[in-house]
Amino acid sequence: MKTIKYAVAAIVLSTLSFGAFAAQSVTAAQAESLNKIGVVSANGATTLDGLEAKLAAKAQAAGASGYSITSAVGNNKLSGTAVIYK
């Protein structure tokens, strides 16, 4: 029974901490109230979801709290850019 309690507690804490630090996609209206801190780019993704995940990871690594994708191009291998905000 203790093992189950510890497992549930670990899952809850890891979910909360991941959500607290992950950069989130923001709308243009939300971006107006944030400070632009730079631009990130990514390439080599095979899907739009994959490209968004790469851009979100780079935004998080740069210390951003939010990002807004500004471009996505390609056929088989996608590349794109995003403005990052804090």
Protein backbone atom coordinates (compact mmCIF):
# COMPACT_ATOMS: atom_id res chain seq x y z
CA MET A 1 0.00 0.00 0.00
CA LYS A 2 2.87 2.39 0.76
CA THR A 3 4.37 1.70 -2.64
CA ILE A 4 1.16 2.77 -4.37
CA LYS A 5 1.01 5.99 -2.33
CA TYR A 6 4.60 6.83 -3.23
CA ALA A 7 4.02 6.06 -6.90
CA VAL A 8 0.93 8.26 -7.05
CA ALA A 9 2.72 11.06 -5.22
CA ALA A 10 5.67 10.86 -7.62
CA ILE A 11 3.39 11.00 -10.66
CA VAL A 12 1.47 14.00 -9.32
CA LEU A 13 4.63 15.90 -8.41
CA SER A 14 6.33 15.21 -11.73
CA THR A 15 3.23 16.33 -13.63
CA LEU A 16 2.98 19.54 -11.62
CA SER A 17 6.65 20.38 -11.96
CA PHE A 18 6.68 19.70 -15.70
CA GLY A 19 3.69 21.98 -16.24
CA ALA A 20 5.24 24.72 -14.16
CA PHE A 21 8.41 24.96 -16.23
CA ALA A 22 7.30 24.09 -19.77
CA ALA A 23 7.06 26.89 -22.31
CA GLN A 24 3.50 27.29 -23.56
CA SER A 25 2.21 28.38 -26.95
CA VAL A 26 0.72 31.88 -26.72
CA THR A 27 -1.72 33.81 -28.89
CA ALA A 28 -1.00 37.23 -30.35
CA ALA A 29 -3.20 38.85 -27.69
CA GLN A 30 -1.34 37.04 -24.88
CA ALA A 31 2.03 37.96 -26.41
CA GLU A 32 1.25 41.68 -26.07
CA SER A 33 1.55 41.42 -22.30
CA LEU A 34 4.84 39.46 -22.42
CA ASN A 35 8.42 40.52 -23.11
CA LYS A 36 10.02 39.23 -26.31
CA ILE A 37 13.38 37.68 -25.44
CA GLY A 38 14.44 36.24 -28.79
CA VAL A 39 13.80 33.78 -31.59
CA VAL A 40 14.42 30.03 -31.82
CA SER A 41 14.50 27.77 -34.86
CA ALA A 42 14.27 24.03 -35.43
CA ASN A 43 14.53 21.70 -38.40
CA GLY A 44 14.34 18.05 -39.32
CA ALA A 45 10.82 17.39 -38.02
CA THR A 46 8.60 15.03 -40.02
CA THR A 47 5.24 16.35 -38.68
CA LEU A 48 3.87 19.70 -37.56
CA ASP A 49 3.42 18.29 -34.05
CA GLY A 50 7.06 17.23 -34.05
CA LEU A 51 8.17 20.67 -35.20
CA GLU A 52 6.09 22.34 -32.47
CA ALA A 53 7.60 20.01 -29.87
CA LYS A 54 11.13 20.88 -31.01
CA LEU A 55 10.39 24.61 -30.91
CA ALA A 56 8.79 24.30 -27.46
CA ALA A 57 11.83 22.43 -26.16
CA LYS A 58 14.19 25.09 -27.51
CA ALA A 59 12.03 27.85 -26.02
CA GLN A 60 12.10 26.12 -22.64
CA ALA A 61 15.88 25.64 -22.86
CA ALA A 62 16.23 29.38 -23.54
CA GLY A 63 14.27 30.15 -20.37
CA ALA A 64 11.09 31.29 -22.09
CA SER A 65 7.66 30.95 -20.53
CA GLY A 66 5.89 31.19 -23.90
CA TYR A 67 6.44 31.02 -27.64
CA SER A 68 4.61 31.90 -30.83
CA ILE A 69 5.39 30.00 -34.03
CA THR A 70 6.05 32.43 -36.88
CA SER A 71 6.96 30.08 -39.73
CA ALA A 72 6.88 26.44 -40.77
CA VAL A 73 8.13 25.25 -44.17
CA GLY A 74 9.06 22.02 -45.91
CA ASN A 75 7.62 18.83 -47.31
CA ASN A 76 9.27 15.72 -45.86
CA LYS A 77 11.54 17.56 -43.42
CA LEU A 78 10.02 20.60 -41.77
CA SER A 79 11.77 23.62 -40.34
CA GLY A 80 10.36 26.60 -38.52
CA THR A 81 10.90 29.54 -36.23
CA ALA A 82 9.21 30.89 -33.12
CA VAL A 83 9.39 34.12 -31.15
CA ILE A 84 9.98 33.42 -27.47
CA TYR A 85 8.60 35.41 -24.54
CA LYS A 86 9.16 35.72 -20.82
